């Protein structure tokens, strides 16, 4: 067998999208700003729910879009 030859085929690759991960960061910043603004305006109850969502995102978990039971769990209700 010649040097450099292999029976292994080349792996499939793809380039990451330019904004990969940027949407998550923007969403975290949005919810973080929401919490701050609501607390500054003495809206602690509303801030609590935004903070619940922020904690869920920071934990690396995806936001559910249709599972109402899971959404309620995230909100703490």
PDB file of N, CA and C in Angstrom:
ATOM      1  N   UNK A   1       0.841  -1.186   0.000  1.00  0.00           N
ATOM      2  CA  UNK A   1       0.000   0.000   0.000  1.00  0.00           C
ATOM      3  C   UNK A   1       0.884   1.246   0.000  1.00  0.00           C
ATOM      4  N   UNK A   2       0.566   2.197  -0.845  1.00  0.00           N
ATOM      5  CA  UNK A   2       1.367   3.412  -0.959  1.00  0.00           C
ATOM      6  C   UNK A   2       1.120   4.329   0.235  1.00  0.00           C
ATOM      7  N   UNK A   3       2.128   5.106   0.594  1.00  0.00           N
ATOM      8  CA  UNK A   3       1.987   6.085   1.676  1.00  0.00           C
ATOM      9  C   UNK A   3       0.973   7.139   1.265  1.00  0.00           C
ATOM     10  N   UNK A   4       0.129   7.523   2.188  1.00  0.00           N
ATOM     11  CA  UNK A   4      -0.862   8.559   1.915  1.00  0.00           C
ATOM     12  C   UNK A   4      -2.190   8.006   1.416  1.00  0.00           C
ATOM     13  N   UNK A   5      -2.225   6.751   1.039  1.00  0.00           N
ATOM     14  CA  UNK A   5      -3.479   6.164   0.581  1.00  0.00           C
ATOM     15  C   UNK A   5      -4.235   5.616   1.785  1.00  0.00           C
ATOM     16  N   UNK A   6      -5.515   5.698   1.732  1.00  0.00           N
ATOM     17  CA  UNK A   6      -6.327   5.233   2.845  1.00  0.00           C
ATOM     18  C   UNK A   6      -7.657   4.726   2.318  1.00  0.00           C
ATOM     19  N   UNK A   7      -8.222   3.797   3.037  1.00  0.00           N
ATOM     20  CA  UNK A   7      -9.546   3.294   2.690  1.00  0.00           C
ATOM     21  C   UNK A   7     -10.648   4.173   3.273  1.00  0.00           C
ATOM     22  N   UNK A   8     -10.230   5.137   4.066  1.00  0.00           N
ATOM     23  CA  UNK A   8     -11.219   6.012   4.700  1.00  0.00           C
ATOM     24  C   UNK A   8     -11.629   7.116   3.734  1.00  0.00           C
ATOM     25  N   UNK A   9     -12.935   7.265   3.559  1.00  0.00           N
ATOM     26  CA  UNK A   9     -13.403   8.344   2.676  1.00  0.00           C
ATOM     27  C   UNK A   9     -13.423   9.657   3.443  1.00  0.00           C
ATOM     28  N   UNK A  10     -13.372  10.742   2.694  1.00  0.00           N
ATOM     29  CA  UNK A  10     -13.349  12.059   3.326  1.00  0.00           C
ATOM     30  C   UNK A  10     -14.690  12.356   3.977  1.00  0.00           C
ATOM     31  N   UNK A  11     -14.625  13.038   5.102  1.00  0.00           N
ATOM     32  CA  UNK A  11     -15.850  13.386   5.827  1.00  0.00           C
ATOM     33  C   UNK A  11     -16.573  14.547   5.189  1.00  0.00           C
ATOM     34  N   UNK A  12     -17.868  14.612   5.456  1.00  0.00           N
ATOM     35  CA  UNK A  12     -18.663  15.735   4.953  1.00  0.00           C
ATOM     36  C   UNK A  12     -18.428  16.929   5.869  1.00  0.00           C
ATOM     37  N   UNK A  13     -18.246  18.080   5.280  1.00  0.00           N
ATOM     38  CA  UNK A  13     -18.042  19.293   6.060  1.00  0.00           C
ATOM     39  C   UNK A  13     -18.980  20.380   5.566  1.00  0.00           C
ATOM     40  N   UNK A  14     -19.202  21.342   6.424  1.00  0.00           N
ATOM     41  CA  UNK A  14     -19.967  22.529   6.032  1.00  0.00           C
ATOM     42  C   UNK A  14     -19.435  23.709   6.824  1.00  0.00           C
ATOM     43  N   UNK A  15     -19.540  24.872   6.243  1.00  0.00           N
ATOM     44  CA  UNK A  15     -19.103  26.083   6.926  1.00  0.00           C
ATOM     45  C   UNK A  15     -20.234  26.589   7.809  1.00  0.00           C
ATOM     46  N   UNK A  16     -19.866  27.074   8.967  1.00  0.00           N
ATOM     47  CA  UNK A  16     -20.855  27.644   9.869  1.00  0.00           C
ATOM     48  C   UNK A  16     -21.401  28.926   9.259  1.00  0.00           C
ATOM     49  N   UNK A  17     -22.659  29.181   9.516  1.00  0.00           N
ATOM     50  CA  UNK A  17     -23.274  30.411   9.028  1.00  0.00           C
ATOM     51  C   UNK A  17     -22.609  31.603   9.715  1.00  0.00           C
ATOM     52  N   UNK A  18     -22.590  32.708   9.046  1.00  0.00           N
ATOM     53  CA  UNK A  18     -21.942  33.907   9.557  1.00  0.00           C
ATOM     54  C   UNK A  18     -22.473  34.302  10.930  1.00  0.00           C
ATOM     55  N   UNK A  19     -23.776  34.244  11.126  1.00  0.00           N
ATOM     56  CA  UNK A  19     -24.367  34.676  12.383  1.00  0.00           C
ATOM     57  C   UNK A  19     -24.598  33.553  13.365  1.00  0.00           C
ATOM     58  N   UNK A  20     -23.949  32.417  13.198  1.00  0.00           N
ATOM     59  CA  UNK A  20     -24.137  31.269  14.078  1.00  0.00           C
ATOM     60  C   UNK A  20     -23.968  31.671  15.542  1.00  0.00           C
ATOM     61  N   UNK A  21     -24.979  31.455  16.363  1.00  0.00           N
ATOM     62  CA  UNK A  21     -24.917  31.791  17.775  1.00  0.00           C
ATOM     63  C   UNK A  21     -25.293  33.235  18.080  1.00  0.00           C
ATOM     64  N   UNK A  22     -25.292  34.086  17.086  1.00  0.00           N
ATOM     65  CA  UNK A  22     -25.591  35.493  17.316  1.00  0.00           C
ATOM     66  C   UNK A  22     -27.054  35.691  17.708  1.00  0.00           C
ATOM     67  N   UNK A  23     -27.949  34.912  17.143  1.00  0.00           N
ATOM     68  CA  UNK A  23     -29.363  35.033  17.495  1.00  0.00           C
ATOM     69  C   UNK A  23     -29.594  34.715  18.961  1.00  0.00           C
ATOM     70  N   UNK A  24     -28.909  33.673  19.470  1.00  0.00           N
ATOM     71  CA  UNK A  24     -29.044  33.318  20.882  1.00  0.00           C
ATOM     72  C   UNK A  24     -28.571  34.460  21.770  1.00  0.00           C
ATOM     73  N   UNK A  25     -27.450  35.056  21.417  1.00  0.00           N
ATOM     74  CA  UNK A  25     -26.912  36.165  22.206  1.00  0.00           C
ATOM     75  C   UNK A  25     -27.875  37.355  22.182  1.00  0.00           C
ATOM     76  N   UNK A  26     -28.422  37.645  21.021  1.00  0.00           N
ATOM     77  CA  UNK A  26     -29.375  38.759  20.912  1.00  0.00           C
ATOM     78  C   UNK A  26     -30.618  38.487  21.755  1.00  0.00           C
ATOM     79  N   UNK A  27     -31.080  37.231  21.749  1.00  0.00           N
ATOM     80  CA  UNK A  27     -32.266  36.884  22.524  1.00  0.00           C
ATOM     81  C   UNK A  27     -31.974  36.993  24.020  1.00  0.00           C
ATOM     82  N   UNK A  28     -30.790  36.539  24.443  1.00  0.00           N
ATOM     83  CA  UNK A  28     -30.426  36.649  25.858  1.00  0.00           C
ATOM     84  C   UNK A  28     -30.333  38.109  26.277  1.00  0.00           C
ATOM     85  N   UNK A  29     -29.726  38.939  25.439  1.00  0.00           N
ATOM     86  CA  UNK A  29     -29.631  40.364  25.754  1.00  0.00           C
ATOM     87  C   UNK A  29     -31.005  41.012  25.816  1.00  0.00           C
ATOM     88  N   UNK A  30     -31.886  40.626  24.897  1.00  0.00           N
ATOM     89  CA  UNK A  30     -33.249  41.168  24.891  1.00  0.00           C
ATOM     90  C   UNK A  30     -33.948  40.873  26.212  1.00  0.00           C
ATOM     91  N   UNK A  31     -33.939  39.605  26.621  1.00  0.00           N
ATOM     92  CA  UNK A  31     -34.631  39.239  27.855  1.00  0.00           C
ATOM     93  C   UNK A  31     -33.945  39.856  29.074  1.00  0.00           C
ATOM     94  N   UNK A  32     -32.633  39.970  29.045  1.00  0.00           N
ATOM     95  CA  UNK A  32     -31.905  40.603  30.138  1.00  0.00           C
ATOM     96  C   UNK A  32     -32.298  42.074  30.266  1.00  0.00           C
ATOM     97  N   UNK A  33     -32.382  42.769  29.134  1.00  0.00           N
ATOM     98  CA  UNK A  33     -32.810  44.173  29.154  1.00  0.00           C
ATOM     99  C   UNK A  33     -34.260  44.291  29.620  1.00  0.00           C
ATOM    100  N   UNK A  34     -35.091  43.358  29.214  1.00  0.00           N
ATOM    101  CA  UNK A  34     -36.491  43.366  29.665  1.00  0.00           C
ATOM    102  C   UNK A  34     -36.561  43.282  31.185  1.00  0.00           C
ATOM    103  N   UNK A  35     -35.782  42.355  31.764  1.00  0.00           N
ATOM    104  CA  UNK A  35     -35.760  42.201  33.220  1.00  0.00           C
ATOM    105  C   UNK A  35     -35.336  43.510  33.876  1.00  0.00           C
ATOM    106  N   UNK A  36     -34.253  44.108  33.388  1.00  0.00           N
ATOM    107  CA  UNK A  36     -33.749  45.361  33.971  1.00  0.00           C
ATOM    108  C   UNK A  36     -34.777  46.480  33.877  1.00  0.00           C
ATOM    109  N   UNK A  37     -35.377  46.640  32.710  1.00  0.00           N
ATOM    110  CA  UNK A  37     -36.347  47.723  32.500  1.00  0.00           C
ATOM    111  C   UNK A  37     -37.569  47.532  33.383  1.00  0.00           C
ATOM    112  N   UNK A  38     -38.050  46.300  33.454  1.00  0.00           N
ATOM    113  CA  UNK A  38     -39.226  46.038  34.290  1.00  0.00           C
ATOM    114  C   UNK A  38     -38.927  46.279  35.760  1.00  0.00           C
ATOM    115  N   UNK A  39     -37.743  45.858  36.224  1.00  0.00           N
ATOM    116  CA  UNK A  39     -37.379  46.089  37.623  1.00  0.00           C
ATOM    117  C   UNK A  39     -37.206  47.578  37.913  1.00  0.00           C
ATOM    118  N   UNK A  40     -36.633  48.313  36.964  1.00  0.00           N
ATOM    119  CA  UNK A  40     -36.471  49.762  37.135  1.00  0.00           C
ATOM    120  C   UNK A  40     -37.816  50.469  37.248  1.00  0.00           C
ATOM    121  N   UNK A  41     -38.836  49.882  36.638  1.00  0.00           N
ATOM    122  CA  UNK A  41     -40.167  50.476  36.657  1.00  0.00           C
ATOM    123  C   UNK A  41     -41.085  49.795  37.661  1.00  0.00           C
ATOM    124  N   UNK A  42     -40.447  49.139  38.641  1.00  0.00           N
ATOM    125  CA  UNK A  42     -41.165  48.489  39.747  1.00  0.00           C
ATOM    126  C   UNK A  42     -42.201  47.480  39.276  1.00  0.00           C
ATOM    127  N   UNK A  43     -41.874  46.759  38.229  1.00  0.00           N
ATOM    128  CA  UNK A  43     -42.737  45.701  37.689  1.00  0.00           C
ATOM    129  C   UNK A  43     -42.082  44.340  37.968  1.00  0.00           C
ATOM    130  N   UNK A  44     -41.835  44.074  39.266  1.00  0.00           N
ATOM    131  CA  UNK A  44     -41.115  42.863  39.653  1.00  0.00           C
ATOM    132  C   UNK A  44     -41.822  41.584  39.229  1.00  0.00           C
ATOM    133  N   UNK A  45     -43.144  41.580  39.285  1.00  0.00           N
ATOM    134  CA  UNK A  45     -43.886  40.367  38.894  1.00  0.00           C
ATOM    135  C   UNK A  45     -43.643  40.024  37.430  1.00  0.00           C
ATOM    136  N   UNK A  46     -43.717  41.014  36.566  1.00  0.00           N
ATOM    137  CA  UNK A  46     -43.468  40.774  35.145  1.00  0.00           C
ATOM    138  C   UNK A  46     -42.003  40.415  34.910  1.00  0.00           C
ATOM    139  N   UNK A  47     -41.100  41.083  35.636  1.00  0.00           N
ATOM    140  CA  UNK A  47     -39.666  40.818  35.491  1.00  0.00           C
ATOM    141  C   UNK A  47     -39.355  39.369  35.848  1.00  0.00           C
ATOM    142  N   UNK A  48     -40.061  38.826  36.827  1.00  0.00           N
ATOM    143  CA  UNK A  48     -39.849  37.440  37.248  1.00  0.00           C
ATOM    144  C   UNK A  48     -40.017  36.477  36.072  1.00  0.00           C
ATOM    145  N   UNK A  49     -41.063  36.669  35.279  1.00  0.00           N
ATOM    146  CA  UNK A  49     -41.332  35.754  34.165  1.00  0.00           C
ATOM    147  C   UNK A  49     -40.279  35.880  33.066  1.00  0.00           C
ATOM    148  N   UNK A  50     -39.847  37.103  32.797  1.00  0.00           N
ATOM    149  CA  UNK A  50     -38.787  37.288  31.807  1.00  0.00           C
ATOM    150  C   UNK A  50     -37.484  36.652  32.299  1.00  0.00           C
ATOM    151  N   UNK A  51     -37.241  36.761  33.609  1.00  0.00           N
ATOM    152  CA  UNK A  51     -36.035  36.167  34.170  1.00  0.00           C
ATOM    153  C   UNK A  51     -36.085  34.637  34.100  1.00  0.00           C
ATOM    154  N   UNK A  52     -37.264  34.069  34.257  1.00  0.00           N
ATOM    155  CA  UNK A  52     -37.423  32.615  34.133  1.00  0.00           C
ATOM    156  C   UNK A  52     -37.022  32.167  32.723  1.00  0.00           C
ATOM    157  N   UNK A  53     -37.471  32.915  31.734  1.00  0.00           N
ATOM    158  CA  UNK A  53     -37.141  32.592  30.340  1.00  0.00           C
ATOM    159  C   UNK A  53     -35.641  32.769  30.114  1.00  0.00           C
ATOM    160  N   UNK A  54     -35.076  33.852  30.625  1.00  0.00           N
ATOM    161  CA  UNK A  54     -33.645  34.106  30.487  1.00  0.00           C
ATOM    162  C   UNK A  54     -32.830  32.973  31.104  1.00  0.00           C
ATOM    163  N   UNK A  55     -33.204  32.530  32.301  1.00  0.00           N
ATOM    164  CA  UNK A  55     -32.494  31.423  32.951  1.00  0.00           C
ATOM    165  C   UNK A  55     -32.545  30.158  32.098  1.00  0.00           C
ATOM    166  N   UNK A  56     -33.680  29.916  31.486  1.00  0.00           N
ATOM    167  CA  UNK A  56     -33.856  28.737  30.626  1.00  0.00           C
ATOM    168  C   UNK A  56     -32.914  28.811  29.419  1.00  0.00           C
ATOM    169  N   UNK A  57     -32.818  29.978  28.817  1.00  0.00           N
ATOM    170  CA  UNK A  57     -31.940  30.166  27.652  1.00  0.00           C
ATOM    171  C   UNK A  57     -30.472  30.043  28.060  1.00  0.00           C
ATOM    172  N   UNK A  58     -30.102  30.660  29.184  1.00  0.00           N
ATOM    173  CA  UNK A  58     -28.716  30.607  29.654  1.00  0.00           C
ATOM    174  C   UNK A  58     -28.300  29.167  29.949  1.00  0.00           C
ATOM    175  N   UNK A  59     -29.242  28.358  30.400  1.00  0.00           N
ATOM    176  CA  UNK A  59     -28.956  26.948  30.687  1.00  0.00           C
ATOM    177  C   UNK A  59     -28.729  26.148  29.401  1.00  0.00           C
ATOM    178  N   UNK A  60     -28.885  26.810  28.253  1.00  0.00           N
ATOM    179  CA  UNK A  60     -28.630  26.153  26.977  1.00  0.00           C
ATOM    180  C   UNK A  60     -29.809  25.364  26.440  1.00  0.00           C
ATOM    181  N   UNK A  61     -30.963  25.610  27.008  1.00  0.00           N
ATOM    182  CA  UNK A  61     -32.158  24.876  26.578  1.00  0.00           C
ATOM    183  C   UNK A  61     -32.926  25.678  25.530  1.00  0.00           C
ATOM    184  N   UNK A  62     -33.514  24.955  24.593  1.00  0.00           N
ATOM    185  CA  UNK A  62     -34.300  25.596  23.536  1.00  0.00           C
ATOM    186  C   UNK A  62     -35.662  26.014  24.080  1.00  0.00           C
ATOM    187  N   UNK A  63     -36.192  27.072  23.505  1.00  0.00           N
ATOM    188  CA  UNK A  63     -37.533  27.502  23.885  1.00  0.00           C
ATOM    189  C   UNK A  63     -38.566  26.694  23.098  1.00  0.00           C
ATOM    190  N   UNK A  64     -39.516  26.087  23.800  1.00  0.00           N
ATOM    191  CA  UNK A  64     -40.551  25.347  23.096  1.00  0.00           C
ATOM    192  C   UNK A  64     -41.518  26.318  22.432  1.00  0.00           C
ATOM    193  N   UNK A  65     -42.099  25.918  21.312  1.00  0.00           N
ATOM    194  CA  UNK A  65     -43.016  26.825  20.628  1.00  0.00           C
ATOM    195  C   UNK A  65     -44.469  26.381  20.728  1.00  0.00           C
ATOM    196  N   UNK A  66     -44.704  25.110  20.952  1.00  0.00           N
ATOM    197  CA  UNK A  66     -46.089  24.641  20.949  1.00  0.00           C
ATOM    198  C   UNK A  66     -46.481  23.874  22.206  1.00  0.00           C
ATOM    199  N   UNK A  67     -45.527  23.441  23.007  1.00  0.00           N
ATOM    200  CA  UNK A  67     -45.838  22.649  24.188  1.00  0.00           C
ATOM    201  C   UNK A  67     -46.185  23.574  25.356  1.00  0.00           C
ATOM    202  N   UNK A  68     -47.476  23.795  25.544  1.00  0.00           N
ATOM    203  CA  UNK A  68     -47.924  24.746  26.562  1.00  0.00           C
ATOM    204  C   UNK A  68     -47.548  24.314  27.974  1.00  0.00           C
ATOM    205  N   UNK A  69     -47.500  23.022  28.227  1.00  0.00           N
ATOM    206  CA  UNK A  69     -47.120  22.526  29.554  1.00  0.00           C
ATOM    207  C   UNK A  69     -45.665  22.876  29.840  1.00  0.00           C
ATOM    208  N   UNK A  70     -44.800  22.686  28.850  1.00  0.00           N
ATOM    209  CA  UNK A  70     -43.385  23.018  29.005  1.00  0.00           C
ATOM    210  C   UNK A  70     -43.208  24.530  29.152  1.00  0.00           C
ATOM    211  N   UNK A  71     -43.962  25.303  28.409  1.00  0.00           N
ATOM    212  CA  UNK A  71     -43.886  26.779  28.519  1.00  0.00           C
ATOM    213  C   UNK A  71     -44.290  27.211  29.916  1.00  0.00           C
ATOM    214  N   UNK A  72     -45.366  26.642  30.445  1.00  0.00           N
ATOM    215  CA  UNK A  72     -45.820  26.972  31.795  1.00  0.00           C
ATOM    216  C   UNK A  72     -44.764  26.598  32.827  1.00  0.00           C
ATOM    217  N   UNK A  73     -44.097  25.467  32.629  1.00  0.00           N
ATOM    218  CA  UNK A  73     -43.035  25.040  33.544  1.00  0.00           C
ATOM    219  C   UNK A  73     -41.899  26.042  33.558  1.00  0.00           C
ATOM    220  N   UNK A  74     -41.509  26.504  32.364  1.00  0.00           N
ATOM    221  CA  UNK A  74     -40.438  27.491  32.265  1.00  0.00           C
ATOM    222  C   UNK A  74     -40.816  28.777  32.991  1.00  0.00           C
ATOM    223  N   UNK A  75     -42.058  29.178  32.834  1.00  0.00           N
ATOM    224  CA  UNK A  75     -42.535  30.414  33.484  1.00  0.00           C
ATOM    225  C   UNK A  75     -42.731  30.268  34.979  1.00  0.00           C
ATOM    226  N   UNK A  76     -42.756  29.028  35.457  1.00  0.00           N
ATOM    227  CA  UNK A  76     -42.939  28.802  36.879  1.00  0.00           C
ATOM    228  C   UNK A  76     -44.383  28.911  37.331  1.00  0.00           C
ATOM    229  N   UNK A  77     -45.301  28.653  36.422  1.00  0.00           N
ATOM    230  CA  UNK A  77     -46.737  28.701  36.778  1.00  0.00           C
ATOM    231  C   UNK A  77     -47.366  27.328  36.649  1.00  0.00           C
TER     232      UNK A  77
END
